[in-house]
Amino acid sequence: MLFGLNRTTDEQSLIAFLRLFSADRLTRELVPRMSEEEIHQVVDLLTQVMRNHLSGDEYHRLFLGEEHHHH
């Protein structure tokens, strides 16, 4: 992972970083150590990024894994 060289490398590095960060072995240890404020900050940031860039249907399909979303 390397950040700051160019957009393509940054995107690939972020994908790798998030995959490693979300691994069960890490989250099971890390999340219980986080403060309530940290938990809310992480959830708020990731939720805002999804709101900025995904439609409602994309959110349900890509994030929630729902094949068919009805309004």
N, C-alpha and C. Protein backbone atom coordinates (compact mmCIF):
# COMPACT_ATOMS: atom_id res chain seq x y z
N MET A 1 0.85 -1.18 0.00
CA MET A 1 0.00 0.00 0.00
C MET A 1 0.88 1.24 0.00
N LEU A 2 0.54 2.12 -0.89
CA LEU A 2 1.30 3.35 -1.01
C LEU A 2 0.32 4.45 -1.40
N PHE A 3 0.36 5.55 -0.67
CA PHE A 3 -0.55 6.65 -0.95
C PHE A 3 0.23 7.89 -1.37
N GLY A 4 -0.37 8.68 -2.24
CA GLY A 4 0.20 9.97 -2.60
C GLY A 4 0.92 10.02 -3.93
N LEU A 5 1.10 8.89 -4.61
CA LEU A 5 1.80 8.91 -5.90
C LEU A 5 0.89 9.36 -7.03
N ASN A 6 -0.25 8.69 -7.15
CA ASN A 6 -1.21 9.05 -8.19
C ASN A 6 -2.57 8.47 -7.82
N ARG A 7 -3.58 8.89 -8.52
CA ARG A 7 -4.95 8.49 -8.19
C ARG A 7 -5.15 6.98 -8.28
N THR A 8 -4.65 6.36 -9.34
CA THR A 8 -4.84 4.92 -9.52
C THR A 8 -4.22 4.13 -8.38
N THR A 9 -3.01 4.48 -8.00
CA THR A 9 -2.34 3.80 -6.89
C THR A 9 -3.07 4.06 -5.58
N ASP A 10 -3.53 5.28 -5.39
CA ASP A 10 -4.30 5.61 -4.18
C ASP A 10 -5.57 4.76 -4.10
N GLU A 11 -6.28 4.62 -5.22
CA GLU A 11 -7.51 3.81 -5.22
C GLU A 11 -7.20 2.35 -4.90
N GLN A 12 -6.18 1.80 -5.53
CA GLN A 12 -5.81 0.40 -5.28
C GLN A 12 -5.35 0.21 -3.84
N SER A 13 -4.62 1.17 -3.33
CA SER A 13 -4.13 1.09 -1.95
C SER A 13 -5.28 1.18 -0.95
N LEU A 14 -6.25 2.06 -1.22
CA LEU A 14 -7.40 2.18 -0.32
C LEU A 14 -8.21 0.89 -0.30
N ILE A 15 -8.41 0.27 -1.46
CA ILE A 15 -9.13 -1.00 -1.51
C ILE A 15 -8.40 -2.05 -0.66
N ALA A 16 -7.10 -2.14 -0.80
CA ALA A 16 -6.32 -3.10 -0.01
C ALA A 16 -6.38 -2.76 1.48
N PHE A 17 -6.26 -1.48 1.80
CA PHE A 17 -6.30 -1.02 3.19
C PHE A 17 -7.63 -1.37 3.84
N LEU A 18 -8.75 -1.07 3.16
CA LEU A 18 -10.07 -1.34 3.72
C LEU A 18 -10.31 -2.84 3.88
N ARG A 19 -9.82 -3.64 2.94
CA ARG A 19 -9.96 -5.09 3.04
C ARG A 19 -9.23 -5.61 4.28
N LEU A 20 -8.01 -5.14 4.49
CA LEU A 20 -7.25 -5.57 5.67
C LEU A 20 -7.88 -5.05 6.95
N PHE A 21 -8.34 -3.80 6.92
CA PHE A 21 -8.93 -3.18 8.11
C PHE A 21 -10.19 -3.91 8.55
N SER A 22 -10.96 -4.42 7.60
CA SER A 22 -12.24 -5.04 7.94
C SER A 22 -12.12 -6.53 8.26
N ALA A 23 -10.92 -7.07 8.25
CA ALA A 23 -10.74 -8.48 8.56
C ALA A 23 -11.23 -8.78 9.98
N ASP A 24 -11.92 -9.90 10.14
CA ASP A 24 -12.47 -10.27 11.44
C ASP A 24 -11.41 -10.29 12.54
N ARG A 25 -10.23 -10.79 12.21
CA ARG A 25 -9.18 -10.91 13.24
C ARG A 25 -8.80 -9.56 13.82
N LEU A 26 -8.89 -8.51 12.99
CA LEU A 26 -8.57 -7.16 13.47
C LEU A 26 -9.77 -6.51 14.14
N THR A 27 -10.92 -6.57 13.49
CA THR A 27 -12.08 -5.86 14.05
C THR A 27 -12.52 -6.42 15.39
N ARG A 28 -12.37 -7.73 15.58
CA ARG A 28 -12.74 -8.32 16.89
C ARG A 28 -11.87 -7.78 18.02
N GLU A 29 -10.63 -7.43 17.72
CA GLU A 29 -9.73 -6.86 18.74
C GLU A 29 -9.87 -5.35 18.85
N LEU A 30 -10.03 -4.69 17.70
CA LEU A 30 -9.98 -3.24 17.67
C LEU A 30 -11.28 -2.58 18.13
N VAL A 31 -12.41 -3.06 17.64
CA VAL A 31 -13.69 -2.40 17.93
C VAL A 31 -13.98 -2.31 19.43
N PRO A 32 -13.77 -3.37 20.22
CA PRO A 32 -14.05 -3.24 21.65
C PRO A 32 -13.17 -2.20 22.36
N ARG A 33 -12.05 -1.84 21.76
CA ARG A 33 -11.15 -0.85 22.36
C ARG A 33 -11.50 0.58 21.96
N MET A 34 -12.38 0.73 20.98
CA MET A 34 -12.73 2.06 20.48
C MET A 34 -13.70 2.75 21.43
N SER A 35 -13.57 4.07 21.52
CA SER A 35 -14.52 4.86 22.31
C SER A 35 -15.83 4.96 21.53
N GLU A 36 -16.90 5.34 22.24
CA GLU A 36 -18.18 5.58 21.57
C GLU A 36 -18.01 6.63 20.49
N GLU A 37 -17.24 7.68 20.79
CA GLU A 37 -17.02 8.75 19.82
C GLU A 37 -16.32 8.21 18.57
N GLU A 38 -15.31 7.38 18.74
CA GLU A 38 -14.61 6.81 17.59
C GLU A 38 -15.53 5.93 16.75
N ILE A 39 -16.34 5.14 17.41
CA ILE A 39 -17.30 4.29 16.69
C ILE A 39 -18.22 5.16 15.84
N HIS A 40 -18.77 6.20 16.43
CA HIS A 40 -19.68 7.07 15.70
C HIS A 40 -18.98 7.83 14.59
N GLN A 41 -17.73 8.25 14.81
CA GLN A 41 -16.99 8.96 13.77
C GLN A 41 -16.76 8.07 12.54
N VAL A 42 -16.38 6.81 12.78
CA VAL A 42 -16.14 5.89 11.67
C VAL A 42 -17.43 5.63 10.91
N VAL A 43 -18.50 5.33 11.64
CA VAL A 43 -19.79 5.06 10.99
C VAL A 43 -20.26 6.30 10.23
N ASP A 44 -20.15 7.47 10.83
CA ASP A 44 -20.60 8.70 10.18
C ASP A 44 -19.81 8.97 8.90
N LEU A 45 -18.50 8.81 8.93
CA LEU A 45 -17.67 9.06 7.75
C LEU A 45 -18.02 8.10 6.62
N LEU A 46 -18.08 6.81 6.93
CA LEU A 46 -18.36 5.83 5.88
C LEU A 46 -19.78 5.98 5.34
N THR A 47 -20.73 6.29 6.20
CA THR A 47 -22.09 6.52 5.76
C THR A 47 -22.17 7.74 4.85
N GLN A 48 -21.48 8.81 5.21
CA GLN A 48 -21.49 10.02 4.39
C GLN A 48 -20.86 9.77 3.02
N VAL A 49 -19.78 9.02 2.97
CA VAL A 49 -19.14 8.70 1.68
C VAL A 49 -20.12 7.92 0.80
N MET A 50 -20.83 6.96 1.39
CA MET A 50 -21.80 6.20 0.60
C MET A 50 -22.94 7.09 0.14
N ARG A 51 -23.43 7.99 1.02
CA ARG A 51 -24.51 8.92 0.64
C ARG A 51 -24.07 9.81 -0.53
N ASN A 52 -22.81 10.23 -0.50
CA ASN A 52 -22.29 11.13 -1.54
C ASN A 52 -22.19 10.46 -2.90
N HIS A 53 -22.00 9.14 -2.93
CA HIS A 53 -21.62 8.49 -4.19
C HIS A 53 -22.50 7.33 -4.64
N LEU A 54 -23.45 6.91 -3.82
CA LEU A 54 -24.31 5.79 -4.20
C LEU A 54 -25.77 6.23 -4.25
N SER A 55 -26.49 5.70 -5.22
CA SER A 55 -27.94 5.88 -5.23
C SER A 55 -28.53 4.97 -4.16
N GLY A 56 -29.80 5.16 -3.85
CA GLY A 56 -30.47 4.29 -2.89
C GLY A 56 -30.42 2.84 -3.32
N ASP A 57 -30.65 2.60 -4.61
CA ASP A 57 -30.61 1.22 -5.11
C ASP A 57 -29.21 0.63 -5.01
N GLU A 58 -28.19 1.43 -5.34
CA GLU A 58 -26.81 0.94 -5.23
C GLU A 58 -26.47 0.61 -3.77
N TYR A 59 -26.91 1.46 -2.84
CA TYR A 59 -26.68 1.20 -1.42
C TYR A 59 -27.26 -0.15 -1.03
N HIS A 60 -28.49 -0.40 -1.40
CA HIS A 60 -29.14 -1.66 -1.03
C HIS A 60 -28.49 -2.86 -1.72
N ARG A 61 -28.09 -2.70 -2.97
CA ARG A 61 -27.51 -3.81 -3.72
C ARG A 61 -26.05 -4.05 -3.33
N LEU A 62 -25.25 -2.98 -3.28
CA LEU A 62 -23.81 -3.13 -3.08
C LEU A 62 -23.41 -3.24 -1.61
N PHE A 63 -24.04 -2.46 -0.74
CA PHE A 63 -23.67 -2.46 0.67
C PHE A 63 -24.46 -3.51 1.44
N LEU A 64 -25.76 -3.52 1.28
CA LEU A 64 -26.60 -4.44 2.04
C LEU A 64 -26.71 -5.82 1.39
N GLY A 65 -26.32 -5.93 0.12
CA GLY A 65 -26.35 -7.21 -0.57
C GLY A 65 -27.74 -7.68 -0.95
N GLU A 66 -28.65 -6.73 -1.06
CA GLU A 66 -30.02 -7.07 -1.44
C GLU A 66 -30.11 -7.07 -2.96
N GLU A 67 -30.59 -8.16 -3.51
CA GLU A 67 -30.69 -8.28 -4.97
C GLU A 67 -31.76 -7.35 -5.53
N HIS A 68 -32.91 -7.28 -4.86
CA HIS A 68 -34.00 -6.44 -5.35
C HIS A 68 -34.47 -5.54 -4.22
N HIS A 69 -34.42 -4.25 -4.47
CA HIS A 69 -34.88 -3.27 -3.48
C HIS A 69 -36.15 -2.64 -3.99
N HIS A 70 -37.20 -2.67 -3.18
CA HIS A 70 -38.45 -2.04 -3.55
C HIS A 70 -38.61 -0.75 -2.77
N HIS A 71 -39.03 0.28 -3.46
CA HIS A 71 -39.19 1.60 -2.83
C HIS A 71 -40.40 1.62 -1.94
